[in-house]
Structure formats: structure tokens, C-alpha cells
Amino acid sequence: MTNHVDGKVIIITGAGNGFGKLVAQMTADLGAKVIGADINEANLKSVVDGIRAKGQSAEYQVADVTSKEQMDAVAAFAVEKFGRVDVLLNNAGIMPLAFFADHKAAWQGWDKAIDINIKGVVNGITAVYDQMITQGEGQVVNISSIYGNYGVAGSGVYSATKAAVKIISDSLRAEAQGKIKVTTLKPTGIQGTNLASAIVNEQAGVGLAAHNHARFGENMTKYANGELAPEQSDPNSVKYWTVTPEELAQNVVYVINQPWGVNISDITVRATGEDYVY
């Protein structure tokens, strides 16, 4: 595949770990000029130092995505360093799954999710919008979730934030058509990331499995114990049970690695044999 990433200036929020870290490393491998943004400076610096150690281009700016001023500063920093912004990956997000009956324990996490998952996306877009319009080209990639497809038990607030990401993306695409490419990426439930650390009630995580909830619990136990059947761990099998963070990151890179005239506007990444049904 032709390398359309080489030379692009890419801002990645939540670049200190998880998907953001992987995408930063993968795009840098392809020749991108990476600007990492995160609230955790130690993690962020480690990622950037690792990229630079390979002779690749990366800078970082500590920023809280809930602050418009700080996100504006990230975009200004990118322009100061590299003269433009080609891609923004709105990756930062949290997942405080909880039932409404858990509100006393969950309300602070819900507030934070609304601020990060919705306001953070808006702040990222508005930080780069004028620059991309002036350039006449740019791309915004927003990380939504299959949780944004439906409201299911245990995910009311989180699902609402991810549905909002889809609507924001569609509105931006309509307004900036022909100047800014917009991609909404919906990951499935993926093991091995830090996203689950914000879950308030573990039972709230089974809603997406619906009638498969019992099997989901069994497979989760097998996964945790390293006991999944070989075909469930084989990405070349239709029984593959869960995609890895690396596989998701590869698909994020895929939507970026397109010519300016091709926009993959919506993509869902899921394992063929997973238990999630929504």
C-alpha cells in the first residue's frame, strides 16, 4: 500500500498509553511528525523519547482535553514546530460503566466522561479547525464505540457520550466537506487496555452481550486464565474472540493512510467470534 502517512503532522490525544501510544508509534514508523498530547507528562515523555530514539520525529505537549485553552495551545505548538496540522486523532476517553442505581458511586465518573468524551472532542476539533480550513485539507479521526450504537443496561451515560461523538463527526463532515476528512471509528470491547479501569460496576459491562451474557462471562474467565480455545485466539479464525489493542491501532492507521481524496468515514473494528451483539 502506498504510504500516505509519511510527512503528515499528526496530533494524538491520550498519546501517553493505550491506543494513542500505539498509533503514535505506528505513524512515526511510517514517517509522520507526531505531536502527542496527554495529561500524564511522564508517560507522554516516555512515548516521545522512544520514538525519537529510533530517529523519528515526535514532540509532546502536556494538555487536558477538557480545557479549550490547552488544546488550542497544542494546535499552536504543532503549527509552530511543523507549519501545519494534517491529522487530529481525538483518542482520549474514559469508560465509567455503571447502572443508574449506582449513581452515588458513579456520578463523578459520569461527569468526567461527559467532559472528556464530548467536550474533549469538541475542543480538539475547534483547536485545529481554522488551520485545516486555511490549508484546504485535513483529517479528524474521532474514537467512538459500539456502545454508541444503542443504549444498553449499564452504559447509559457512556453510550450517550459515544453517540454524541458520532453526531459531532457527522456534523463536522457536512460543514467541512471537501476540506476536512472526518472518520468515526467504533472499537468493540477490547481486552488489554486501561479503558476498563474507570468501570464503576463490573456487572455493567455485560449489557452489550445481551443473550450471550453467560457465554461472555465464561469466555472472559477463560481469557483471564489463558484458557481460550486455540481458534478463539487465532486472528485467522472466524471464532477469534477479541481483537488486540495493536489490531485496533492498525485500523486507525489504515484510515489515516489514505490519499486526500479518499475518506473512510465510518469504521467498526470487532472480532468475528466475539460475544457482543450490538
C-alpha atoms as a PDB file:
ATOM      1  CA  MET A   1       0.000   0.000   0.000  1.00  0.00           C
ATOM      2  CA  THR A   2       1.243   3.486  -0.839  1.00  0.00           C
ATOM      3  CA  ASN A   3       2.423   5.380   2.228  1.00  0.00           C
ATOM      4  CA  HIS A   4       0.145   8.398   2.654  1.00  0.00           C
ATOM      5  CA  VAL A   5       1.255   8.928   6.265  1.00  0.00           C
ATOM      6  CA  ASP A   6       4.840   9.963   5.525  1.00  0.00           C
ATOM      7  CA  GLY A   7       5.396  13.628   6.328  1.00  0.00           C
ATOM      8  CA  LYS A   8       1.948  14.249   7.816  1.00  0.00           C
ATOM      9  CA  VAL A   9       1.733  16.243  11.047  1.00  0.00           C
ATOM     10  CA  ILE A  10      -0.471  14.249  13.399  1.00  0.00           C
ATOM     11  CA  ILE A  11      -1.831  15.371  16.788  1.00  0.00           C
ATOM     12  CA  ILE A  12      -2.841  12.467  19.028  1.00  0.00           C
ATOM     13  CA  THR A  13      -4.679  12.988  22.307  1.00  0.00           C
ATOM     14  CA  GLY A  14      -4.248  10.389  25.010  1.00  0.00           C
ATOM     15  CA  ALA A  15      -0.886   9.542  23.461  1.00  0.00           C
ATOM     16  CA  GLY A  16       0.714   8.516  26.753  1.00  0.00           C
ATOM     17  CA  ASN A  17      -0.693   4.988  26.721  1.00  0.00           C
ATOM     18  CA  GLY A  18      -3.160   2.584  25.123  1.00  0.00           C
ATOM     19  CA  PHE A  19      -4.352   3.137  21.567  1.00  0.00           C
ATOM     20  CA  GLY A  20      -2.874   6.615  21.447  1.00  0.00           C
ATOM     21  CA  LYS A  21       0.614   5.358  22.243  1.00  0.00           C
ATOM     22  CA  LEU A  22       0.371   2.585  19.652  1.00  0.00           C
ATOM     23  CA  VAL A  23      -0.885   4.914  16.916  1.00  0.00           C
ATOM     24  CA  ALA A  24       1.865   7.409  17.737  1.00  0.00           C
ATOM     25  CA  GLN A  25       4.494   4.701  17.347  1.00  0.00           C
ATOM     26  CA  MET A  26       2.964   3.201  14.186  1.00  0.00           C
ATOM     27  CA  THR A  27       2.516   6.525  12.384  1.00  0.00           C
ATOM     28  CA  ALA A  28       6.016   7.624  13.366  1.00  0.00           C
ATOM     29  CA  ASP A  29       7.295   4.375  11.839  1.00  0.00           C
ATOM     30  CA  LEU A  30       5.635   5.487   8.598  1.00  0.00           C
ATOM     31  CA  GLY A  31       7.312   8.890   8.700  1.00  0.00           C
ATOM     32  CA  ALA A  32       4.697  11.049  10.415  1.00  0.00           C
ATOM     33  CA  LYS A  33       5.604  14.029  12.545  1.00  0.00           C
ATOM     34  CA  VAL A  34       3.797  13.206  15.775  1.00  0.00           C
ATOM     35  CA  ILE A  35       2.546  15.658  18.378  1.00  0.00           C
ATOM     36  CA  GLY A  36       1.485  13.729  21.465  1.00  0.00           C
ATOM     37  CA  ALA A  37      -0.914  15.276  23.977  1.00  0.00           C
ATOM     38  CA  ASP A  38      -1.779  13.823  27.369  1.00  0.00           C
ATOM     39  CA  ILE A  39      -2.260  14.885  30.980  1.00  0.00           C
ATOM     40  CA  ASN A  40       0.432  12.461  32.168  1.00  0.00           C
ATOM     41  CA  GLU A  41       3.778  14.029  31.294  1.00  0.00           C
ATOM     42  CA  ALA A  42       5.894  11.082  32.430  1.00  0.00           C
ATOM     43  CA  ASN A  43       4.062   8.636  30.165  1.00  0.00           C
ATOM     44  CA  LEU A  44       3.965  11.107  27.304  1.00  0.00           C
ATOM     45  CA  LYS A  45       7.675  11.869  27.516  1.00  0.00           C
ATOM     46  CA  SER A  46       8.469   8.156  27.573  1.00  0.00           C
ATOM     47  CA  VAL A  47       6.493   7.590  24.361  1.00  0.00           C
ATOM     48  CA  VAL A  48       8.097  10.531  22.584  1.00  0.00           C
ATOM     49  CA  ASP A  49      11.601   9.623  23.765  1.00  0.00           C
ATOM     50  CA  GLY A  50      11.077   6.100  22.430  1.00  0.00           C
ATOM     51  CA  ILE A  51      10.051   7.432  19.018  1.00  0.00           C
ATOM     52  CA  ARG A  52      12.984   9.823  18.878  1.00  0.00           C
ATOM     53  CA  ALA A  53      15.379   7.044  19.866  1.00  0.00           C
ATOM     54  CA  LYS A  54      14.534   5.394  16.548  1.00  0.00           C
ATOM     55  CA  GLY A  55      15.460   8.571  14.683  1.00  0.00           C
ATOM     56  CA  GLN A  56      11.837   9.513  14.077  1.00  0.00           C
ATOM     57  CA  SER A  57      10.007  12.812  14.604  1.00  0.00           C
ATOM     58  CA  ALA A  58       7.901  13.445  17.706  1.00  0.00           C
ATOM     59  CA  GLU A  59       7.103  16.281  20.085  1.00  0.00           C
ATOM     60  CA  TYR A  60       4.753  16.482  23.029  1.00  0.00           C
ATOM     61  CA  GLN A  61       2.589  18.959  24.853  1.00  0.00           C
ATOM     62  CA  VAL A  62       1.007  18.268  28.225  1.00  0.00           C
ATOM     63  CA  ALA A  63      -2.696  19.063  27.903  1.00  0.00           C
ATOM     64  CA  ASP A  64      -6.067  18.307  29.437  1.00  0.00           C
ATOM     65  CA  VAL A  65      -8.539  17.827  26.580  1.00  0.00           C
ATOM     66  CA  THR A  66     -11.330  19.315  28.708  1.00  0.00           C
ATOM     67  CA  SER A  67      -9.530  22.685  28.522  1.00  0.00           C
ATOM     68  CA  LYS A  68     -10.114  24.599  25.287  1.00  0.00           C
ATOM     69  CA  GLU A  69      -7.141  26.825  26.056  1.00  0.00           C
ATOM     70  CA  GLN A  70      -4.803  23.867  26.480  1.00  0.00           C
ATOM     71  CA  MET A  71      -5.987  22.179  23.288  1.00  0.00           C
ATOM     72  CA  ASP A  72      -5.640  25.459  21.391  1.00  0.00           C
ATOM     73  CA  ALA A  73      -2.070  25.553  22.695  1.00  0.00           C
ATOM     74  CA  VAL A  74      -1.405  22.036  21.374  1.00  0.00           C
ATOM     75  CA  ALA A  75      -2.521  23.038  17.888  1.00  0.00           C
ATOM     76  CA  ALA A  76      -0.489  26.254  18.023  1.00  0.00           C
ATOM     77  CA  PHE A  77       2.550  24.251  19.138  1.00  0.00           C
ATOM     78  CA  ALA A  78       2.142  21.879  16.181  1.00  0.00           C
ATOM     79  CA  VAL A  79       1.952  24.776  13.725  1.00  0.00           C
ATOM     80  CA  GLU A  80       4.953  26.462  15.345  1.00  0.00           C
ATOM     81  CA  LYS A  81       7.018  23.269  15.088  1.00  0.00           C
ATOM     82  CA  PHE A  82       5.901  21.918  11.731  1.00  0.00           C
ATOM     83  CA  GLY A  83       3.919  24.660   9.991  1.00  0.00           C
ATOM     84  CA  ARG A  84       0.615  22.779   9.682  1.00  0.00           C
ATOM     85  CA  VAL A  85      -1.726  20.151  11.149  1.00  0.00           C
ATOM     86  CA  ASP A  86      -2.747  17.317   8.849  1.00  0.00           C
ATOM     87  CA  VAL A  87      -4.495  14.923  11.216  1.00  0.00           C
ATOM     88  CA  LEU A  88      -6.116  15.111  14.628  1.00  0.00           C
ATOM     89  CA  LEU A  89      -6.847  11.856  16.438  1.00  0.00           C
ATOM     90  CA  ASN A  90      -9.351  12.525  19.227  1.00  0.00           C
ATOM     91  CA  ASN A  91      -8.474   9.430  21.215  1.00  0.00           C
ATOM     92  CA  ALA A  92      -8.633  10.448  24.891  1.00  0.00           C
ATOM     93  CA  GLY A  93     -11.620   8.960  26.680  1.00  0.00           C
ATOM     94  CA  ILE A  94     -12.849   7.113  29.776  1.00  0.00           C
ATOM     95  CA  MET A  95     -15.500   4.417  30.291  1.00  0.00           C
ATOM     96  CA  PRO A  96     -17.279   4.651  33.682  1.00  0.00           C
ATOM     97  CA  LEU A  97     -19.852   1.911  33.129  1.00  0.00           C
ATOM     98  CA  ALA A  98     -22.469   1.827  35.876  1.00  0.00           C
ATOM     99  CA  PHE A  99     -26.173   1.299  36.363  1.00  0.00           C
ATOM    100  CA  PHE A 100     -28.329   4.281  37.272  1.00  0.00           C
ATOM    101  CA  ALA A 101     -28.806   2.596  40.637  1.00  0.00           C
ATOM    102  CA  ASP A 102     -25.061   3.155  41.139  1.00  0.00           C
ATOM    103  CA  HIS A 103     -25.404   6.921  40.809  1.00  0.00           C
ATOM    104  CA  LYS A 104     -23.946   7.754  44.223  1.00  0.00           C
ATOM    105  CA  ALA A 105     -20.715   5.998  43.295  1.00  0.00           C
ATOM    106  CA  ALA A 106     -20.817   6.837  39.586  1.00  0.00           C
ATOM    107  CA  TRP A 107     -21.813  10.486  39.232  1.00  0.00           C
ATOM    108  CA  GLN A 108     -18.299  11.885  39.384  1.00  0.00           C
ATOM    109  CA  GLY A 109     -17.103   9.424  36.754  1.00  0.00           C
ATOM    110  CA  TRP A 110     -20.082  10.285  34.580  1.00  0.00           C
ATOM    111  CA  ASP A 111     -19.324  13.999  34.852  1.00  0.00           C
ATOM    112  CA  LYS A 112     -15.726  13.322  33.891  1.00  0.00           C
ATOM    113  CA  ALA A 113     -16.790  11.164  30.941  1.00  0.00           C
ATOM    114  CA  ILE A 114     -19.034  13.928  29.619  1.00  0.00           C
ATOM    115  CA  ASP A 115     -16.182  16.409  29.914  1.00  0.00           C
ATOM    116  CA  ILE A 116     -13.532  14.193  28.305  1.00  0.00           C
ATOM    117  CA  ASN A 117     -15.559  12.197  25.787  1.00  0.00           C
ATOM    118  CA  ILE A 118     -17.692  15.077  24.471  1.00  0.00           C
ATOM    119  CA  LYS A 119     -16.071  18.381  25.396  1.00  0.00           C
ATOM    120  CA  GLY A 120     -12.635  16.924  24.696  1.00  0.00           C
ATOM    121  CA  VAL A 121     -13.652  16.018  21.150  1.00  0.00           C
ATOM    122  CA  VAL A 122     -15.171  19.458  20.543  1.00  0.00           C
ATOM    123  CA  ASN A 123     -12.091  21.176  21.968  1.00  0.00           C
ATOM    124  CA  GLY A 124      -9.822  19.130  19.720  1.00  0.00           C
ATOM    125  CA  ILE A 125     -11.854  19.922  16.623  1.00  0.00           C
ATOM    126  CA  THR A 126     -12.070  23.641  17.286  1.00  0.00           C
ATOM    127  CA  ALA A 127      -8.345  23.773  18.056  1.00  0.00           C
ATOM    128  CA  VAL A 128      -7.403  22.554  14.570  1.00  0.00           C
ATOM    129  CA  TYR A 129     -10.414  23.669  12.523  1.00  0.00           C
ATOM    130  CA  ASP A 130      -9.194  27.089  11.343  1.00  0.00           C
ATOM    131  CA  GLN A 131      -5.753  25.758  10.471  1.00  0.00           C
ATOM    132  CA  MET A 132      -7.149  22.881   8.420  1.00  0.00           C
ATOM    133  CA  ILE A 133      -9.622  25.148   6.601  1.00  0.00           C
ATOM    134  CA  THR A 134      -6.802  27.564   5.792  1.00  0.00           C
ATOM    135  CA  GLN A 135      -4.657  24.710   4.496  1.00  0.00           C
ATOM    136  CA  GLY A 136      -7.584  23.443   2.431  1.00  0.00           C
ATOM    137  CA  GLU A 137      -7.104  19.906   3.724  1.00  0.00           C
ATOM    138  CA  GLY A 138      -7.034  17.968   6.961  1.00  0.00           C
ATOM    139  CA  GLN A 139      -8.461  14.935   8.716  1.00  0.00           C
ATOM    140  CA  VAL A 140     -10.166  14.465  12.071  1.00  0.00           C
ATOM    141  CA  VAL A 141     -10.435  10.932  13.426  1.00  0.00           C
ATOM    142  CA  ASN A 142     -12.812  10.583  16.365  1.00  0.00           C
ATOM    143  CA  ILE A 143     -12.865   7.446  18.518  1.00  0.00           C
ATOM    144  CA  SER A 144     -16.447   6.478  19.295  1.00  0.00           C
ATOM    145  CA  SER A 145     -17.514   2.969  20.378  1.00  0.00           C
ATOM    146  CA  ILE A 146     -20.018   0.241  19.608  1.00  0.00           C
ATOM    147  CA  TYR A 147     -21.505   1.426  22.909  1.00  0.00           C
ATOM    148  CA  GLY A 148     -22.644   4.457  20.929  1.00  0.00           C
ATOM    149  CA  ASN A 149     -24.907   2.298  18.746  1.00  0.00           C
ATOM    150  CA  TYR A 150     -27.571   1.673  21.395  1.00  0.00           C
ATOM    151  CA  GLY A 151     -28.423   2.479  24.950  1.00  0.00           C
ATOM    152  CA  VAL A 152     -27.913  -0.731  26.889  1.00  0.00           C
ATOM    153  CA  ALA A 153     -28.188  -1.522  30.572  1.00  0.00           C
ATOM    154  CA  GLY A 154     -25.146  -0.322  32.463  1.00  0.00           C
ATOM    155  CA  SER A 155     -23.885   2.136  29.860  1.00  0.00           C
ATOM    156  CA  GLY A 156     -26.429   4.947  29.707  1.00  0.00           C
ATOM    157  CA  VAL A 157     -24.058   7.868  30.203  1.00  0.00           C
ATOM    158  CA  TYR A 158     -21.076   6.324  28.438  1.00  0.00           C
ATOM    159  CA  SER A 159     -23.208   5.271  25.453  1.00  0.00           C
ATOM    160  CA  ALA A 160     -24.600   8.805  25.264  1.00  0.00           C
ATOM    161  CA  THR A 161     -21.108  10.302  25.101  1.00  0.00           C
ATOM    162  CA  LYS A 162     -20.069   7.951  22.316  1.00  0.00           C
ATOM    163  CA  ALA A 163     -23.296   8.539  20.376  1.00  0.00           C
ATOM    164  CA  ALA A 164     -22.513  12.251  20.686  1.00  0.00           C
ATOM    165  CA  VAL A 165     -19.118  11.650  19.088  1.00  0.00           C
ATOM    166  CA  LYS A 166     -20.863  10.134  16.056  1.00  0.00           C
ATOM    167  CA  ILE A 167     -23.226  13.112  15.715  1.00  0.00           C
ATOM    168  CA  ILE A 168     -20.401  15.621  16.139  1.00  0.00           C
ATOM    169  CA  SER A 169     -18.409  13.796  13.454  1.00  0.00           C
ATOM    170  CA  ASP A 170     -21.317  13.761  11.009  1.00  0.00           C
ATOM    171  CA  SER A 171     -21.974  17.470  11.545  1.00  0.00           C
ATOM    172  CA  LEU A 172     -18.313  18.343  11.014  1.00  0.00           C
ATOM    173  CA  ARG A 173     -18.227  16.266   7.830  1.00  0.00           C
ATOM    174  CA  ALA A 174     -21.291  18.064   6.469  1.00  0.00           C
ATOM    175  CA  GLU A 175     -19.922  21.502   7.292  1.00  0.00           C
ATOM    176  CA  ALA A 176     -16.339  20.968   6.107  1.00  0.00           C
ATOM    177  CA  GLN A 177     -16.992  18.644   3.167  1.00  0.00           C
ATOM    178  CA  GLY A 178     -14.179  18.908   0.661  1.00  0.00           C
ATOM    179  CA  LYS A 179     -11.744  20.478   3.117  1.00  0.00           C
ATOM    180  CA  ILE A 180     -11.664  18.248   6.185  1.00  0.00           C
ATOM    181  CA  LYS A 181     -11.984  14.477   6.065  1.00  0.00           C
ATOM    182  CA  VAL A 182     -13.806  13.067   9.085  1.00  0.00           C
ATOM    183  CA  THR A 183     -13.643   9.494  10.334  1.00  0.00           C
ATOM    184  CA  THR A 184     -15.689   7.966  13.148  1.00  0.00           C
ATOM    185  CA  LEU A 185     -14.038   4.802  14.438  1.00  0.00           C
ATOM    186  CA  LYS A 186     -16.035   2.447  16.662  1.00  0.00           C
ATOM    187  CA  PRO A 187     -13.973  -0.126  18.520  1.00  0.00           C
ATOM    188  CA  THR A 188     -15.597  -3.137  20.080  1.00  0.00           C
ATOM    189  CA  GLY A 189     -14.770  -4.225  23.610  1.00  0.00           C
ATOM    190  CA  ILE A 190     -11.011  -4.780  23.612  1.00  0.00           C
ATOM    191  CA  GLN A 191      -9.067  -6.509  26.350  1.00  0.00           C
ATOM    192  CA  GLY A 192      -5.616  -5.423  27.426  1.00  0.00           C
ATOM    193  CA  THR A 193      -6.181  -1.676  27.583  1.00  0.00           C
ATOM    194  CA  ASN A 194      -6.545   0.663  30.526  1.00  0.00           C
ATOM    195  CA  LEU A 195     -10.044   1.764  29.482  1.00  0.00           C
ATOM    196  CA  ALA A 196     -11.766  -0.655  31.838  1.00  0.00           C
ATOM    197  CA  SER A 197     -10.067   0.939  34.855  1.00  0.00           C
ATOM    198  CA  ALA A 198     -12.852   3.543  35.054  1.00  0.00           C
ATOM    199  CA  ILE A 199     -15.678   0.956  35.278  1.00  0.00           C
ATOM    200  CA  VAL A 200     -17.726   1.543  38.419  1.00  0.00           C
ATOM    201  CA  ASN A 201     -19.720  -1.704  38.440  1.00  0.00           C
ATOM    202  CA  GLU A 202     -18.248  -4.745  36.685  1.00  0.00           C
ATOM    203  CA  GLN A 203     -21.744  -6.158  36.084  1.00  0.00           C
ATOM    204  CA  ALA A 204     -22.497  -3.103  33.954  1.00  0.00           C
ATOM    205  CA  GLY A 205     -20.049  -4.397  31.375  1.00  0.00           C
ATOM    206  CA  VAL A 206     -22.197  -7.295  30.167  1.00  0.00           C
ATOM    207  CA  GLY A 207     -25.028  -5.287  28.595  1.00  0.00           C
ATOM    208  CA  LEU A 208     -23.563  -5.405  25.089  1.00  0.00           C
ATOM    209  CA  ALA A 209     -23.501  -9.207  25.203  1.00  0.00           C
ATOM    210  CA  ALA A 210     -27.320  -9.382  25.657  1.00  0.00           C
ATOM    211  CA  HIS A 211     -28.398 -13.025  25.192  1.00  0.00           C
ATOM    212  CA  ASN A 212     -24.718 -14.013  25.040  1.00  0.00           C
ATOM    213  CA  HIS A 213     -24.020 -12.711  28.549  1.00  0.00           C
ATOM    214  CA  ALA A 214     -23.470 -16.147  30.104  1.00  0.00           C
ATOM    215  CA  ARG A 215     -21.093 -17.194  27.341  1.00  0.00           C
ATOM    216  CA  PHE A 216     -19.356 -13.837  27.592  1.00  0.00           C
ATOM    217  CA  GLY A 217     -18.684 -14.428  31.279  1.00  0.00           C
ATOM    218  CA  GLU A 218     -17.306 -17.881  30.553  1.00  0.00           C
ATOM    219  CA  ASN A 219     -15.052 -16.622  27.791  1.00  0.00           C
ATOM    220  CA  MET A 220     -13.856 -13.704  29.902  1.00  0.00           C
ATOM    221  CA  THR A 221     -12.790 -16.142  32.621  1.00  0.00           C
ATOM    222  CA  LYS A 222     -11.013 -18.298  30.051  1.00  0.00           C
ATOM    223  CA  TYR A 223      -9.288 -15.241  28.606  1.00  0.00           C
ATOM    224  CA  ALA A 224      -8.103 -14.108  32.032  1.00  0.00           C
ATOM    225  CA  ASN A 225      -6.746 -17.585  32.750  1.00  0.00           C
ATOM    226  CA  GLY A 226      -5.163 -18.032  29.325  1.00  0.00           C
ATOM    227  CA  GLU A 227      -7.558 -20.886  28.538  1.00  0.00           C
ATOM    228  CA  LEU A 228      -9.317 -19.734  25.364  1.00  0.00           C
ATOM    229  CA  ALA A 229      -9.545 -22.388  22.662  1.00  0.00           C
ATOM    230  CA  PRO A 230      -6.784 -22.071  20.041  1.00  0.00           C
ATOM    231  CA  GLU A 231      -9.220 -20.908  17.360  1.00  0.00           C
ATOM    232  CA  GLN A 232     -10.528 -18.174  19.685  1.00  0.00           C
ATOM    233  CA  SER A 233      -7.000 -16.784  19.884  1.00  0.00           C
ATOM    234  CA  ASP A 234      -6.273 -17.098  16.160  1.00  0.00           C
ATOM    235  CA  PRO A 235      -6.953 -13.893  14.181  1.00  0.00           C
ATOM    236  CA  ASN A 236      -7.242 -16.032  11.058  1.00  0.00           C
ATOM    237  CA  SER A 237     -10.207 -17.909  12.533  1.00  0.00           C
ATOM    238  CA  VAL A 238     -13.843 -16.795  12.364  1.00  0.00           C
ATOM    239  CA  LYS A 239     -14.035 -17.840  16.033  1.00  0.00           C
ATOM    240  CA  TYR A 240     -11.469 -15.186  17.019  1.00  0.00           C
ATOM    241  CA  TRP A 241     -12.808 -13.818  20.309  1.00  0.00           C
ATOM    242  CA  THR A 242     -11.201 -10.420  20.871  1.00  0.00           C
ATOM    243  CA  VAL A 243      -9.082  -8.068  18.822  1.00  0.00           C
ATOM    244  CA  THR A 244      -5.901  -6.737  20.378  1.00  0.00           C
ATOM    245  CA  PRO A 245      -5.073  -3.070  21.004  1.00  0.00           C
ATOM    246  CA  GLU A 246      -2.462  -3.406  18.257  1.00  0.00           C
ATOM    247  CA  GLU A 247      -5.088  -4.575  15.762  1.00  0.00           C
ATOM    248  CA  LEU A 248      -7.283  -1.610  16.591  1.00  0.00           C
ATOM    249  CA  ALA A 249      -4.330   0.764  16.242  1.00  0.00           C
ATOM    250  CA  GLN A 250      -3.515  -0.744  12.846  1.00  0.00           C
ATOM    251  CA  ASN A 251      -7.022   0.134  11.690  1.00  0.00           C
ATOM    252  CA  VAL A 252      -6.679   3.692  12.993  1.00  0.00           C
ATOM    253  CA  VAL A 253      -3.505   3.967  10.938  1.00  0.00           C
ATOM    254  CA  TYR A 254      -5.356   2.448   7.967  1.00  0.00           C
ATOM    255  CA  VAL A 255      -7.951   5.229   7.856  1.00  0.00           C
ATOM    256  CA  ILE A 256      -5.170   7.824   8.063  1.00  0.00           C
ATOM    257  CA  ASN A 257      -3.125   6.078   5.382  1.00  0.00           C
ATOM    258  CA  GLN A 258      -5.417   7.102   2.525  1.00  0.00           C
ATOM    259  CA  PRO A 259      -4.949   9.687  -0.242  1.00  0.00           C
ATOM    260  CA  TRP A 260      -6.539  13.052   0.462  1.00  0.00           C
ATOM    261  CA  GLY A 261      -9.339  12.259  -1.979  1.00  0.00           C
ATOM    262  CA  VAL A 262     -10.451   9.110  -0.145  1.00  0.00           C
ATOM    263  CA  ASN A 263     -12.263   9.346   3.178  1.00  0.00           C
ATOM    264  CA  ILE A 264     -13.162   6.248   5.167  1.00  0.00           C
ATOM    265  CA  SER A 265     -15.910   7.977   7.090  1.00  0.00           C
ATOM    266  CA  ASP A 266     -17.108   5.190   9.400  1.00  0.00           C
ATOM    267  CA  ILE A 267     -15.394   2.019  10.536  1.00  0.00           C
ATOM    268  CA  THR A 268     -16.215  -0.553  13.224  1.00  0.00           C
ATOM    269  CA  VAL A 269     -13.446  -2.884  14.360  1.00  0.00           C
ATOM    270  CA  ARG A 270     -14.543  -6.091  16.035  1.00  0.00           C
ATOM    271  CA  ALA A 271     -13.603  -9.751  16.380  1.00  0.00           C
ATOM    272  CA  THR A 272     -15.644 -12.108  14.223  1.00  0.00           C
ATOM    273  CA  GLY A 273     -16.400 -14.513  17.069  1.00  0.00           C
ATOM    274  CA  GLU A 274     -16.918 -12.038  19.887  1.00  0.00           C
ATOM    275  CA  ASP A 275     -19.904 -12.193  22.233  1.00  0.00           C
ATOM    276  CA  TYR A 276     -21.017  -8.585  21.822  1.00  0.00           C
ATOM    277  CA  VAL A 277     -24.208  -8.384  19.776  1.00  0.00           C
ATOM    278  CA  TYR A 278     -24.811  -4.627  19.402  1.00  0.00           C
END
